[in-house]
N, C-alpha and C. Protein backbone atom coordinates (compact mmCIF):
# COMPACT_ATOMS: atom_id res chain seq x y z
N MET A 1 90.75 121.73 140.51
CA MET A 1 90.83 121.62 141.95
C MET A 1 92.30 121.48 142.35
N ALA A 2 92.71 122.24 143.33
CA ALA A 2 94.09 122.19 143.82
C ALA A 2 94.23 121.10 144.88
N VAL A 3 95.36 120.40 144.82
CA VAL A 3 95.70 119.42 145.83
C VAL A 3 96.95 119.92 146.54
N LEU A 4 96.87 120.03 147.86
CA LEU A 4 97.98 120.56 148.65
C LEU A 4 98.57 119.47 149.53
N LYS A 5 99.87 119.60 149.78
CA LYS A 5 100.56 118.68 150.67
C LYS A 5 101.25 119.49 151.75
N VAL A 6 101.32 118.94 152.96
CA VAL A 6 101.97 119.60 154.09
C VAL A 6 103.12 118.73 154.56
N ILE A 7 104.30 119.34 154.73
CA ILE A 7 105.44 118.62 155.29
C ILE A 7 105.94 119.38 156.51
N GLU A 8 106.61 118.68 157.37
CA GLU A 8 107.15 119.29 158.58
C GLU A 8 108.67 119.32 158.48
N ILE A 9 109.26 120.48 158.76
CA ILE A 9 110.71 120.59 158.73
C ILE A 9 111.19 121.39 159.95
N LEU A 10 112.46 121.23 160.25
CA LEU A 10 113.10 121.95 161.35
C LEU A 10 114.19 122.84 160.78
N SER A 11 114.39 123.99 161.41
CA SER A 11 115.42 124.92 160.95
C SER A 11 115.97 125.67 162.16
N SER A 12 117.19 126.18 162.00
CA SER A 12 117.78 126.96 163.09
C SER A 12 118.59 128.12 162.53
N SER A 13 118.84 129.09 163.40
CA SER A 13 119.61 130.28 163.03
C SER A 13 120.26 130.85 164.29
N SER A 14 121.41 131.44 164.11
CA SER A 14 122.06 132.12 165.23
C SER A 14 121.56 133.56 165.36
N VAL A 15 120.70 134.00 164.41
CA VAL A 15 120.24 135.39 164.36
C VAL A 15 118.86 135.57 165.02
N SER A 16 117.84 134.81 164.53
CA SER A 16 116.48 135.00 165.03
C SER A 16 115.57 133.87 164.55
N TRP A 17 114.37 133.79 165.16
CA TRP A 17 113.37 132.83 164.68
C TRP A 17 112.92 133.19 163.27
N GLU A 18 112.81 134.47 163.00
CA GLU A 18 112.42 134.90 161.65
C GLU A 18 113.45 134.44 160.63
N ASP A 19 114.72 134.60 160.95
CA ASP A 19 115.78 134.18 160.04
C ASP A 19 115.75 132.66 159.84
N ALA A 20 115.49 131.91 160.90
CA ALA A 20 115.39 130.46 160.78
C ALA A 20 114.23 130.07 159.85
N THR A 21 113.11 130.78 159.96
CA THR A 21 111.95 130.52 159.10
C THR A 21 112.28 130.84 157.65
N LYS A 22 112.91 131.98 157.41
CA LYS A 22 113.27 132.36 156.04
C LYS A 22 114.26 131.37 155.43
N LYS A 23 115.21 130.90 156.21
CA LYS A 23 116.18 129.91 155.72
C LYS A 23 115.49 128.61 155.36
N ALA A 24 114.52 128.20 156.16
CA ALA A 24 113.79 126.96 155.90
C ALA A 24 113.02 127.05 154.59
N VAL A 25 112.32 128.15 154.38
CA VAL A 25 111.54 128.31 153.15
C VAL A 25 112.47 128.39 151.94
N SER A 26 113.56 129.10 152.07
CA SER A 26 114.53 129.21 150.98
C SER A 26 115.10 127.85 150.60
N LYS A 27 115.50 127.07 151.59
CA LYS A 27 116.06 125.75 151.34
C LYS A 27 115.01 124.81 150.76
N ALA A 28 113.81 124.83 151.31
CA ALA A 28 112.74 123.96 150.81
C ALA A 28 112.38 124.29 149.37
N SER A 29 112.46 125.56 149.01
CA SER A 29 112.09 125.97 147.64
C SER A 29 113.08 125.44 146.60
N ASN A 30 114.23 124.95 147.03
CA ASN A 30 115.17 124.33 146.09
C ASN A 30 114.63 123.04 145.51
N THR A 31 113.79 122.33 146.28
CA THR A 31 113.25 121.07 145.80
C THR A 31 111.72 121.04 145.69
N LEU A 32 111.05 121.99 146.33
CA LEU A 32 109.58 122.04 146.28
C LEU A 32 109.13 123.20 145.41
N LYS A 33 108.09 122.95 144.62
CA LYS A 33 107.49 124.02 143.81
C LYS A 33 106.17 124.41 144.44
N ASN A 34 105.73 125.61 144.14
CA ASN A 34 104.39 126.07 144.52
C ASN A 34 104.16 126.12 146.03
N ILE A 35 105.17 126.59 146.80
CA ILE A 35 104.97 126.74 148.23
C ILE A 35 103.91 127.82 148.45
N ARG A 36 102.89 127.51 149.25
CA ARG A 36 101.77 128.42 149.46
C ARG A 36 101.78 129.08 150.84
N SER A 37 102.27 128.36 151.85
CA SER A 37 102.28 128.95 153.19
C SER A 37 103.24 128.20 154.10
N VAL A 38 103.54 128.85 155.21
CA VAL A 38 104.36 128.23 156.23
C VAL A 38 103.70 128.52 157.58
N TYR A 39 103.62 127.51 158.42
CA TYR A 39 103.03 127.63 159.75
C TYR A 39 104.11 127.32 160.77
N VAL A 40 104.43 128.29 161.61
CA VAL A 40 105.42 128.07 162.65
C VAL A 40 104.72 127.34 163.79
N GLN A 41 105.02 126.07 163.92
CA GLN A 41 104.35 125.24 164.90
C GLN A 41 104.97 125.39 166.29
N GLU A 42 106.28 125.53 166.34
CA GLU A 42 106.96 125.59 167.63
C GLU A 42 108.25 126.38 167.50
N GLN A 43 108.60 127.09 168.55
CA GLN A 43 109.86 127.84 168.62
C GLN A 43 110.60 127.41 169.88
N SER A 44 111.92 127.34 169.77
CA SER A 44 112.76 127.07 170.94
C SER A 44 114.10 127.73 170.72
N ALA A 45 114.90 127.74 171.77
CA ALA A 45 116.22 128.37 171.66
C ALA A 45 117.22 127.59 172.51
N ALA A 46 118.46 127.57 172.04
CA ALA A 46 119.55 126.97 172.81
C ALA A 46 120.24 128.08 173.60
N VAL A 47 120.60 127.77 174.83
CA VAL A 47 121.25 128.76 175.69
C VAL A 47 122.58 128.19 176.19
N VAL A 48 123.64 128.99 176.05
CA VAL A 48 124.96 128.63 176.55
C VAL A 48 125.50 129.81 177.35
N ASP A 49 125.92 129.55 178.58
CA ASP A 49 126.46 130.60 179.45
C ASP A 49 125.51 131.80 179.55
N ASP A 50 124.24 131.52 179.78
CA ASP A 50 123.21 132.56 179.95
C ASP A 50 122.97 133.42 178.71
N GLU A 51 123.37 132.95 177.55
CA GLU A 51 123.16 133.67 176.29
C GLU A 51 122.46 132.76 175.29
N VAL A 52 121.49 133.31 174.58
CA VAL A 52 120.84 132.55 173.51
C VAL A 52 121.83 132.41 172.35
N THR A 53 122.10 131.17 171.98
CA THR A 53 123.08 130.92 170.92
C THR A 53 122.45 130.43 169.61
N GLU A 54 121.22 129.93 169.69
CA GLU A 54 120.58 129.39 168.50
C GLU A 54 119.07 129.46 168.64
N PHE A 55 118.41 129.93 167.59
CA PHE A 55 116.95 129.99 167.52
C PHE A 55 116.49 128.84 166.64
N ARG A 56 115.51 128.08 167.13
CA ARG A 56 115.04 126.91 166.39
C ARG A 56 113.54 127.01 166.14
N VAL A 57 113.13 126.57 164.96
CA VAL A 57 111.70 126.55 164.61
C VAL A 57 111.33 125.19 164.04
N ASN A 58 110.12 124.78 164.36
CA ASN A 58 109.50 123.60 163.78
C ASN A 58 108.39 124.13 162.89
N LEU A 59 108.46 123.86 161.60
CA LEU A 59 107.55 124.46 160.62
C LEU A 59 106.74 123.42 159.88
N LYS A 60 105.56 123.84 159.44
CA LYS A 60 104.79 123.05 158.48
C LYS A 60 104.71 123.91 157.21
N ILE A 61 105.18 123.33 156.12
CA ILE A 61 105.16 124.02 154.83
C ILE A 61 104.10 123.38 153.94
N THR A 62 103.24 124.21 153.39
CA THR A 62 102.17 123.75 152.51
C THR A 62 102.53 124.12 151.07
N PHE A 63 102.44 123.13 150.18
CA PHE A 63 102.70 123.41 148.76
C PHE A 63 101.68 122.68 147.89
N GLU A 64 101.48 123.23 146.71
CA GLU A 64 100.51 122.68 145.77
C GLU A 64 101.17 121.64 144.88
N LEU A 65 100.51 120.51 144.73
CA LEU A 65 101.02 119.45 143.86
C LEU A 65 100.64 119.74 142.41
N ASP A 66 101.52 119.39 141.49
CA ASP A 66 101.24 119.58 140.07
C ASP A 66 100.19 118.60 139.59
């Protein structure tokens, strides 16, 4: 029987929400093994002088415990 754990993390990117998500999974994989899925819970963006300057995501990452 598999036992899964879910953690919540935040990530940002100056490129896109997709890039922020990929960066989060890449960084999390440095310390977590067996990542099974990622759920984008929330998206937001920072705006400066009428331009989007940063894309932000709030993620839930699910991984299997050994």
